[in-house]
Amino acid sequence: MPQHKSAAKRARQDAQKRLRNRRHRSRMRTMVKKVLESDDVSQVQSDYLEAQSGLDHLAAKGIIHRNQAANVKKRLARHIHALSEA
């Protein structure tokens, strides 16, 4: 239990941020999964553009690290490249 008013406020703010970050991370995972599970090349490319934009947005907001966003985008791009070659 917080002993000071400022500590109580900080705890409330942290809880709100934690929920907001969970929502964003869940949305990110859904976008990534959508790209990885699809086999249609044209659909995958449009999903990739949406995921790329979302990842950049999350990195800019500080929800994920910019290197993590880059690594996920690279993994998705490799998946698309493998689909287009097959």
PDB file of N, CA and C in Angstrom:
ATOM      1  N   MET A   1       0.835  -1.172   0.000  1.00  0.00           N
ATOM      2  CA  MET A   1       0.000   0.000   0.000  1.00  0.00           C
ATOM      3  C   MET A   1       0.889   1.247   0.000  1.00  0.00           C
ATOM      4  N   PRO A   2       0.632   2.174  -0.908  1.00  0.00           N
ATOM      5  CA  PRO A   2       1.446   3.396  -0.968  1.00  0.00           C
ATOM      6  C   PRO A   2       1.276   4.243   0.286  1.00  0.00           C
ATOM      7  N   GLN A   3       2.357   4.842   0.726  1.00  0.00           N
ATOM      8  CA  GLN A   3       2.346   5.655   1.939  1.00  0.00           C
ATOM      9  C   GLN A   3       2.108   7.138   1.656  1.00  0.00           C
ATOM     10  N   HIS A   4       2.307   7.544   0.396  1.00  0.00           N
ATOM     11  CA  HIS A   4       2.178   8.952   0.030  1.00  0.00           C
ATOM     12  C   HIS A   4       1.177   9.098  -1.105  1.00  0.00           C
ATOM     13  N   LYS A   5       0.593  10.282  -1.195  1.00  0.00           N
ATOM     14  CA  LYS A   5      -0.387  10.545  -2.256  1.00  0.00           C
ATOM     15  C   LYS A   5       0.256  10.403  -3.634  1.00  0.00           C
ATOM     16  N   SER A   6       1.490  10.870  -3.755  1.00  0.00           N
ATOM     17  CA  SER A   6       2.160  10.811  -5.059  1.00  0.00           C
ATOM     18  C   SER A   6       2.449   9.360  -5.459  1.00  0.00           C
ATOM     19  N   ALA A   7       2.749   8.516  -4.481  1.00  0.00           N
ATOM     20  CA  ALA A   7       2.998   7.105  -4.768  1.00  0.00           C
ATOM     21  C   ALA A   7       1.704   6.413  -5.193  1.00  0.00           C
ATOM     22  N   ALA A   8       0.591   6.796  -4.585  1.00  0.00           N
ATOM     23  CA  ALA A   8      -0.701   6.222  -4.972  1.00  0.00           C
ATOM     24  C   ALA A   8      -1.057   6.629  -6.394  1.00  0.00           C
ATOM     25  N   LYS A   9      -0.809   7.893  -6.707  1.00  0.00           N
ATOM     26  CA  LYS A   9      -1.094   8.371  -8.066  1.00  0.00           C
ATOM     27  C   LYS A   9      -0.215   7.653  -9.072  1.00  0.00           C
ATOM     28  N   ARG A  10       1.060   7.479  -8.738  1.00  0.00           N
ATOM     29  CA  ARG A  10       1.988   6.780  -9.636  1.00  0.00           C
ATOM     30  C   ARG A  10       1.523   5.346  -9.861  1.00  0.00           C
ATOM     31  N   ALA A  11       1.017   4.694  -8.829  1.00  0.00           N
ATOM     32  CA  ALA A  11       0.517   3.315  -8.958  1.00  0.00           C
ATOM     33  C   ALA A  11      -0.686   3.272  -9.891  1.00  0.00           C
ATOM     34  N   ARG A  12      -1.583   4.257  -9.779  1.00  0.00           N
ATOM     35  CA  ARG A  12      -2.742   4.303 -10.681  1.00  0.00           C
ATOM     36  C   ARG A  12      -2.293   4.525 -12.118  1.00  0.00           C
ATOM     37  N   GLN A  13      -1.340   5.440 -12.320  1.00  0.00           N
ATOM     38  CA  GLN A  13      -0.856   5.719 -13.670  1.00  0.00           C
ATOM     39  C   GLN A  13      -0.179   4.491 -14.269  1.00  0.00           C
ATOM     40  N   ASP A  14       0.613   3.797 -13.451  1.00  0.00           N
ATOM     41  CA  ASP A  14       1.306   2.608 -13.933  1.00  0.00           C
ATOM     42  C   ASP A  14       0.314   1.532 -14.355  1.00  0.00           C
ATOM     43  N   ALA A  15      -0.767   1.388 -13.609  1.00  0.00           N
ATOM     44  CA  ALA A  15      -1.781   0.385 -13.955  1.00  0.00           C
ATOM     45  C   ALA A  15      -2.422   0.727 -15.289  1.00  0.00           C
ATOM     46  N   GLN A  16      -2.723   2.007 -15.509  1.00  0.00           N
ATOM     47  CA  GLN A  16      -3.319   2.421 -16.778  1.00  0.00           C
ATOM     48  C   GLN A  16      -2.357   2.185 -17.937  1.00  0.00           C
ATOM     49  N   LYS A  17      -1.085   2.540 -17.743  1.00  0.00           N
ATOM     50  CA  LYS A  17      -0.089   2.348 -18.799  1.00  0.00           C
ATOM     51  C   LYS A  17       0.123   0.874 -19.095  1.00  0.00           C
ATOM     52  N   ARG A  18       0.103   0.054 -18.052  1.00  0.00           N
ATOM     53  CA  ARG A  18       0.290  -1.383 -18.239  1.00  0.00           C
ATOM     54  C   ARG A  18      -0.835  -1.959 -19.102  1.00  0.00           C
ATOM     55  N   LEU A  19      -2.082  -1.555 -18.838  1.00  0.00           N
ATOM     56  CA  LEU A  19      -3.209  -2.022 -19.642  1.00  0.00           C
ATOM     57  C   LEU A  19      -3.099  -1.536 -21.087  1.00  0.00           C
ATOM     58  N   ARG A  20      -2.714  -0.278 -21.253  1.00  0.00           N
ATOM     59  CA  ARG A  20      -2.575   0.284 -22.592  1.00  0.00           C
ATOM     60  C   ARG A  20      -1.486  -0.449 -23.371  1.00  0.00           C
ATOM     61  N   ASN A  21      -0.342  -0.716 -22.706  1.00  0.00           N
ATOM     62  CA  ASN A  21       0.752  -1.413 -23.371  1.00  0.00           C
ATOM     63  C   ASN A  21       0.361  -2.846 -23.724  1.00  0.00           C
ATOM     64  N   ARG A  22      -0.395  -3.508 -22.841  1.00  0.00           N
ATOM     65  CA  ARG A  22      -0.846  -4.868 -23.136  1.00  0.00           C
ATOM     66  C   ARG A  22      -1.724  -4.882 -24.380  1.00  0.00           C
ATOM     67  N   ARG A  23      -2.611  -3.885 -24.490  1.00  0.00           N
ATOM     68  CA  ARG A  23      -3.481  -3.798 -25.669  1.00  0.00           C
ATOM     69  C   ARG A  23      -2.646  -3.637 -26.939  1.00  0.00           C
ATOM     70  N   HIS A  24      -1.662  -2.748 -26.896  1.00  0.00           N
ATOM     71  CA  HIS A  24      -0.824  -2.503 -28.070  1.00  0.00           C
ATOM     72  C   HIS A  24       0.004  -3.734 -28.430  1.00  0.00           C
ATOM     73  N   ARG A  25       0.576  -4.392 -27.437  1.00  0.00           N
ATOM     74  CA  ARG A  25       1.391  -5.576 -27.692  1.00  0.00           C
ATOM     75  C   ARG A  25       0.547  -6.708 -28.263  1.00  0.00           C
ATOM     76  N   SER A  26      -0.670  -6.859 -27.765  1.00  0.00           N
ATOM     77  CA  SER A  26      -1.567  -7.896 -28.271  1.00  0.00           C
ATOM     78  C   SER A  26      -1.920  -7.617 -29.734  1.00  0.00           C
ATOM     79  N   ARG A  27      -2.192  -6.351 -30.035  1.00  0.00           N
ATOM     80  CA  ARG A  27      -2.507  -5.967 -31.417  1.00  0.00           C
ATOM     81  C   ARG A  27      -1.311  -6.230 -32.333  1.00  0.00           C
ATOM     82  N   MET A  28      -0.094  -5.951 -31.815  1.00  0.00           N
ATOM     83  CA  MET A  28       1.119  -6.187 -32.583  1.00  0.00           C
ATOM     84  C   MET A  28       1.267  -7.680 -32.894  1.00  0.00           C
ATOM     85  N   ARG A  29       1.087  -8.519 -31.876  1.00  0.00           N
ATOM     86  CA  ARG A  29       1.226  -9.960 -32.074  1.00  0.00           C
ATOM     87  C   ARG A  29       0.204 -10.480 -33.070  1.00  0.00           C
ATOM     88  N   THR A  30      -1.014  -9.927 -33.035  1.00  0.00           N
ATOM     89  CA  THR A  30      -2.057 -10.333 -33.977  1.00  0.00           C
ATOM     90  C   THR A  30      -1.664  -9.959 -35.406  1.00  0.00           C
ATOM     91  N   MET A  31      -1.122  -8.766 -35.579  1.00  0.00           N
ATOM     92  CA  MET A  31      -0.701  -8.338 -36.918  1.00  0.00           C
ATOM     93  C   MET A  31       0.409  -9.233 -37.453  1.00  0.00           C
ATOM     94  N   VAL A  32       1.360  -9.568 -36.593  1.00  0.00           N
ATOM     95  CA  VAL A  32       2.484 -10.417 -37.007  1.00  0.00           C
ATOM     96  C   VAL A  32       1.983 -11.811 -37.354  1.00  0.00           C
ATOM     97  N   LYS A  33       1.102 -12.335 -36.530  1.00  0.00           N
ATOM     98  CA  LYS A  33       0.563 -13.676 -36.769  1.00  0.00           C
ATOM     99  C   LYS A  33      -0.216 -13.719 -38.089  1.00  0.00           C
ATOM    100  N   LYS A  34      -0.928 -12.648 -38.384  1.00  0.00           N
ATOM    101  CA  LYS A  34      -1.714 -12.555 -39.610  1.00  0.00           C
ATOM    102  C   LYS A  34      -0.801 -12.689 -40.837  1.00  0.00           C
ATOM    103  N   VAL A  35       0.360 -12.044 -40.776  1.00  0.00           N
ATOM    104  CA  VAL A  35       1.309 -12.110 -41.888  1.00  0.00           C
ATOM    105  C   VAL A  35       1.906 -13.509 -41.990  1.00  0.00           C
ATOM    106  N   LEU A  36       2.285 -14.090 -40.869  1.00  0.00           N
ATOM    107  CA  LEU A  36       2.978 -15.375 -40.894  1.00  0.00           C
ATOM    108  C   LEU A  36       2.073 -16.541 -41.256  1.00  0.00           C
ATOM    109  N   GLU A  37       0.775 -16.444 -40.977  1.00  0.00           N
ATOM    110  CA  GLU A  37      -0.110 -17.575 -41.215  1.00  0.00           C
ATOM    111  C   GLU A  37      -0.740 -17.577 -42.605  1.00  0.00           C
ATOM    112  N   SER A  38      -0.714 -16.471 -43.298  1.00  0.00           N
ATOM    113  CA  SER A  38      -1.346 -16.398 -44.607  1.00  0.00           C
ATOM    114  C   SER A  38      -0.420 -16.948 -45.689  1.00  0.00           C
ATOM    115  N   ASP A  39      -1.030 -17.525 -46.746  1.00  0.00           N
ATOM    116  CA  ASP A  39      -0.256 -18.073 -47.860  1.00  0.00           C
ATOM    117  C   ASP A  39      -0.450 -17.283 -49.149  1.00  0.00           C
ATOM    118  N   ASP A  40      -1.432 -16.411 -49.195  1.00  0.00           N
ATOM    119  CA  ASP A  40      -1.692 -15.604 -50.381  1.00  0.00           C
ATOM    120  C   ASP A  40      -0.721 -14.426 -50.409  1.00  0.00           C
ATOM    121  N   VAL A  41       0.089 -14.348 -51.461  1.00  0.00           N
ATOM    122  CA  VAL A  41       1.174 -13.362 -51.510  1.00  0.00           C
ATOM    123  C   VAL A  41       0.639 -11.932 -51.488  1.00  0.00           C
ATOM    124  N   SER A  42      -0.412 -11.650 -52.259  1.00  0.00           N
ATOM    125  CA  SER A  42      -0.931 -10.280 -52.297  1.00  0.00           C
ATOM    126  C   SER A  42      -1.535  -9.881 -50.953  1.00  0.00           C
ATOM    127  N   GLN A  43      -2.217 -10.810 -50.306  1.00  0.00           N
ATOM    128  CA  GLN A  43      -2.789 -10.530 -48.990  1.00  0.00           C
ATOM    129  C   GLN A  43      -1.688 -10.333 -47.951  1.00  0.00           C
ATOM    130  N   VAL A  44      -0.643 -11.149 -48.047  1.00  0.00           N
ATOM    131  CA  VAL A  44       0.474 -11.050 -47.102  1.00  0.00           C
ATOM    132  C   VAL A  44       1.156  -9.698 -47.236  1.00  0.00           C
ATOM    133  N   GLN A  45       1.329  -9.226 -48.457  1.00  0.00           N
ATOM    134  CA  GLN A  45       2.001  -7.938 -48.653  1.00  0.00           C
ATOM    135  C   GLN A  45       1.195  -6.789 -48.061  1.00  0.00           C
ATOM    136  N   SER A  46      -0.128  -6.818 -48.227  1.00  0.00           N
ATOM    137  CA  SER A  46      -0.934  -5.747 -47.636  1.00  0.00           C
ATOM    138  C   SER A  46      -0.934  -5.850 -46.117  1.00  0.00           C
ATOM    139  N   ASP A  47      -0.973  -7.079 -45.589  1.00  0.00           N
ATOM    140  CA  ASP A  47      -0.894  -7.259 -44.143  1.00  0.00           C
ATOM    141  C   ASP A  47       0.467  -6.813 -43.616  1.00  0.00           C
ATOM    142  N   TYR A  48       1.521  -7.052 -44.393  1.00  0.00           N
ATOM    143  CA  TYR A  48       2.867  -6.648 -43.982  1.00  0.00           C
ATOM    144  C   TYR A  48       2.968  -5.125 -43.875  1.00  0.00           C
ATOM    145  N   LEU A  49       2.389  -4.418 -44.817  1.00  0.00           N
ATOM    146  CA  LEU A  49       2.429  -2.955 -44.768  1.00  0.00           C
ATOM    147  C   LEU A  49       1.728  -2.436 -43.511  1.00  0.00           C
ATOM    148  N   GLU A  50       0.611  -3.066 -43.164  1.00  0.00           N
ATOM    149  CA  GLU A  50      -0.111  -2.677 -41.955  1.00  0.00           C
ATOM    150  C   GLU A  50       0.721  -2.987 -40.706  1.00  0.00           C
ATOM    151  N   ALA A  51       1.338  -4.170 -40.689  1.00  0.00           N
ATOM    152  CA  ALA A  51       2.164  -4.563 -39.540  1.00  0.00           C
ATOM    153  C   ALA A  51       3.385  -3.654 -39.422  1.00  0.00           C
ATOM    154  N   GLN A  52       3.989  -3.329 -40.551  1.00  0.00           N
ATOM    155  CA  GLN A  52       5.171  -2.462 -40.548  1.00  0.00           C
ATOM    156  C   GLN A  52       4.825  -1.090 -39.968  1.00  0.00           C
ATOM    157  N   SER A  53       3.711  -0.556 -40.391  1.00  0.00           N
ATOM    158  CA  SER A  53       3.276   0.738 -39.881  1.00  0.00           C
ATOM    159  C   SER A  53       3.003   0.663 -38.380  1.00  0.00           C
ATOM    160  N   GLY A  54       2.337  -0.400 -37.963  1.00  0.00           N
ATOM    161  CA  GLY A  54       2.033  -0.566 -36.553  1.00  0.00           C
ATOM    162  C   GLY A  54       3.284  -0.714 -35.704  1.00  0.00           C
ATOM    163  N   LEU A  55       4.247  -1.491 -36.190  1.00  0.00           N
ATOM    164  CA  LEU A  55       5.494  -1.683 -35.456  1.00  0.00           C
ATOM    165  C   LEU A  55       6.262  -0.376 -35.327  1.00  0.00           C
ATOM    166  N   ASP A  56       6.311   0.398 -36.407  1.00  0.00           N
ATOM    167  CA  ASP A  56       6.990   1.689 -36.355  1.00  0.00           C
ATOM    168  C   ASP A  56       6.315   2.619 -35.348  1.00  0.00           C
ATOM    169  N   HIS A  57       4.992   2.564 -35.313  1.00  0.00           N
ATOM    170  CA  HIS A  57       4.242   3.404 -34.386  1.00  0.00           C
ATOM    171  C   HIS A  57       4.547   3.018 -32.938  1.00  0.00           C
ATOM    172  N   LEU A  58       4.564   1.715 -32.672  1.00  0.00           N
ATOM    173  CA  LEU A  58       4.850   1.249 -31.312  1.00  0.00           C
ATOM    174  C   LEU A  58       6.272   1.599 -30.898  1.00  0.00           C
ATOM    175  N   ALA A  59       7.199   1.511 -31.839  1.00  0.00           N
ATOM    176  CA  ALA A  59       8.587   1.864 -31.525  1.00  0.00           C
ATOM    177  C   ALA A  59       8.709   3.361 -31.246  1.00  0.00           C
ATOM    178  N   ALA A  60       7.991   4.161 -32.010  1.00  0.00           N
ATOM    179  CA  ALA A  60       8.037   5.609 -31.802  1.00  0.00           C
ATOM    180  C   ALA A  60       7.436   5.988 -30.452  1.00  0.00           C
ATOM    181  N   LYS A  61       6.417   5.263 -30.018  1.00  0.00           N
ATOM    182  CA  LYS A  61       5.779   5.534 -28.733  1.00  0.00           C
ATOM    183  C   LYS A  61       6.585   4.986 -27.564  1.00  0.00           C
ATOM    184  N   GLY A  62       7.562   4.131 -27.854  1.00  0.00           N
ATOM    185  CA  GLY A  62       8.378   3.575 -26.787  1.00  0.00           C
ATOM    186  C   GLY A  62       7.790   2.329 -26.158  1.00  0.00           C
ATOM    187  N   ILE A  63       6.779   1.757 -26.775  1.00  0.00           N
ATOM    188  CA  ILE A  63       6.151   0.559 -26.230  1.00  0.00           C
ATOM    189  C   ILE A  63       7.045  -0.656 -26.482  1.00  0.00           C
ATOM    190  N   ILE A  64       7.681  -0.673 -27.650  1.00  0.00           N
ATOM    191  CA  ILE A  64       8.699  -1.679 -27.929  1.00  0.00           C
ATOM    192  C   ILE A  64       9.967  -0.939 -28.343  1.00  0.00           C
ATOM    193  N   HIS A  65      11.089  -1.616 -28.251  1.00  0.00           N
ATOM    194  CA  HIS A  65      12.357  -1.006 -28.637  1.00  0.00           C
ATOM    195  C   HIS A  65      12.437  -0.942 -30.154  1.00  0.00           C
ATOM    196  N   ARG A  66      13.119   0.061 -30.676  1.00  0.00           N
ATOM    197  CA  ARG A  66      13.201   0.217 -32.132  1.00  0.00           C
ATOM    198  C   ARG A  66      13.919  -0.960 -32.782  1.00  0.00           C
ATOM    199  N   ASN A  67      14.882  -1.550 -32.082  1.00  0.00           N
ATOM    200  CA  ASN A  67      15.561  -2.721 -32.642  1.00  0.00           C
ATOM    201  C   ASN A  67      14.636  -3.932 -32.685  1.00  0.00           C
ATOM    202  N   GLN A  68      13.755  -4.050 -31.712  1.00  0.00           N
ATOM    203  CA  GLN A  68      12.787  -5.147 -31.741  1.00  0.00           C
ATOM    204  C   GLN A  68      11.856  -4.979 -32.932  1.00  0.00           C
ATOM    205  N   ALA A  69      11.413  -3.763 -33.192  1.00  0.00           N
ATOM    206  CA  ALA A  69      10.554  -3.503 -34.344  1.00  0.00           C
ATOM    207  C   ALA A  69      11.291  -3.869 -35.631  1.00  0.00           C
ATOM    208  N   ALA A  70      12.560  -3.500 -35.723  1.00  0.00           N
ATOM    209  CA  ALA A  70      13.351  -3.806 -36.916  1.00  0.00           C
ATOM    210  C   ALA A  70      13.514  -5.315 -37.084  1.00  0.00           C
ATOM    211  N   ASN A  71      13.752  -6.039 -35.985  1.00  0.00           N
ATOM    212  CA  ASN A  71      13.928  -7.487 -36.074  1.00  0.00           C
ATOM    213  C   ASN A  71      12.647  -8.185 -36.520  1.00  0.00           C
ATOM    214  N   VAL A  72      11.520  -7.740 -36.014  1.00  0.00           N
ATOM    215  CA  VAL A  72      10.248  -8.350 -36.401  1.00  0.00           C
ATOM    216  C   VAL A  72       9.955  -8.052 -37.871  1.00  0.00           C
ATOM    217  N   LYS A  73      10.200  -6.808 -38.297  1.00  0.00           N
ATOM    218  CA  LYS A  73       9.967  -6.458 -39.705  1.00  0.00           C
ATOM    219  C   LYS A  73      10.868  -7.280 -40.620  1.00  0.00           C
ATOM    220  N   LYS A  74      12.109  -7.508 -40.203  1.00  0.00           N
ATOM    221  CA  LYS A  74      13.032  -8.302 -41.002  1.00  0.00           C
ATOM    222  C   LYS A  74      12.533  -9.739 -41.119  1.00  0.00           C
ATOM    223  N   ARG A  75      12.060 -10.295 -40.009  1.00  0.00           N
ATOM    224  CA  ARG A  75      11.550 -11.667 -40.022  1.00  0.00           C
ATOM    225  C   ARG A  75      10.334 -11.783 -40.938  1.00  0.00           C
ATOM    226  N   LEU A  76       9.455 -10.795 -40.911  1.00  0.00           N
ATOM    227  CA  LEU A  76       8.276 -10.812 -41.777  1.00  0.00           C
ATOM    228  C   LEU A  76       8.668 -10.665 -43.246  1.00  0.00           C
ATOM    229  N   ALA A  77       9.648  -9.807 -43.516  1.00  0.00           N
ATOM    230  CA  ALA A  77      10.105  -9.617 -44.900  1.00  0.00           C
ATOM    231  C   ALA A  77      10.719 -10.901 -45.441  1.00  0.00           C
ATOM    232  N   ARG A  78      11.479 -11.625 -44.608  1.00  0.00           N
ATOM    233  CA  ARG A  78      12.058 -12.898 -45.037  1.00  0.00           C
ATOM    234  C   ARG A  78      10.959 -13.913 -45.333  1.00  0.00           C
ATOM    235  N   HIS A  79       9.900 -13.899 -44.543  1.00  0.00           N
ATOM    236  CA  HIS A  79       8.773 -14.797 -44.776  1.00  0.00           C
ATOM    237  C   HIS A  79       8.101 -14.488 -46.114  1.00  0.00           C
ATOM    238  N   ILE A  80       7.902 -13.227 -46.395  1.00  0.00           N
ATOM    239  CA  ILE A  80       7.271 -12.833 -47.665  1.00  0.00           C
ATOM    240  C   ILE A  80       8.161 -13.213 -48.838  1.00  0.00           C
ATOM    241  N   HIS A  81       9.449 -13.000 -48.689  1.00  0.00           N
ATOM    242  CA  HIS A  81      10.388 -13.351 -49.759  1.00  0.00           C
ATOM    243  C   HIS A  81      10.351 -14.855 -50.034  1.00  0.00           C
ATOM    244  N   ALA A  82      10.289 -15.660 -48.984  1.00  0.00           N
ATOM    245  CA  ALA A  82      10.222 -17.117 -49.152  1.00  0.00           C
ATOM    246  C   ALA A  82       8.919 -17.529 -49.825  1.00  0.00           C
ATOM    247  N   LEU A  83       7.814 -16.845 -49.503  1.00  0.00           N
ATOM    248  CA  LEU A  83       6.542 -17.153 -50.138  1.00  0.00           C
ATOM    249  C   LEU A  83       6.558 -16.817 -51.618  1.00  0.00           C
ATOM    250  N   SER A  84       7.147 -15.674 -51.957  1.00  0.00           N
ATOM    251  CA  SER A  84       7.144 -15.246 -53.351  1.00  0.00           C
ATOM    252  C   SER A  84       8.052 -16.117 -54.217  1.00  0.00           C
ATOM    253  N   GLU A  85       9.105 -16.718 -53.612  1.00  0.00           N
ATOM    254  CA  GLU A  85       9.976 -17.598 -54.377  1.00  0.00           C
ATOM    255  C   GLU A  85       9.368 -18.975 -54.597  1.00  0.00           C
ATOM    256  N   ALA A  86       8.539 -19.397 -53.655  1.00  0.00           N
ATOM    257  CA  ALA A  86       7.971 -20.752 -53.740  1.00  0.00           C
ATOM    258  C   ALA A  86       6.870 -20.869 -54.763  1.00  0.00           C
TER     259      ALA A  86
END
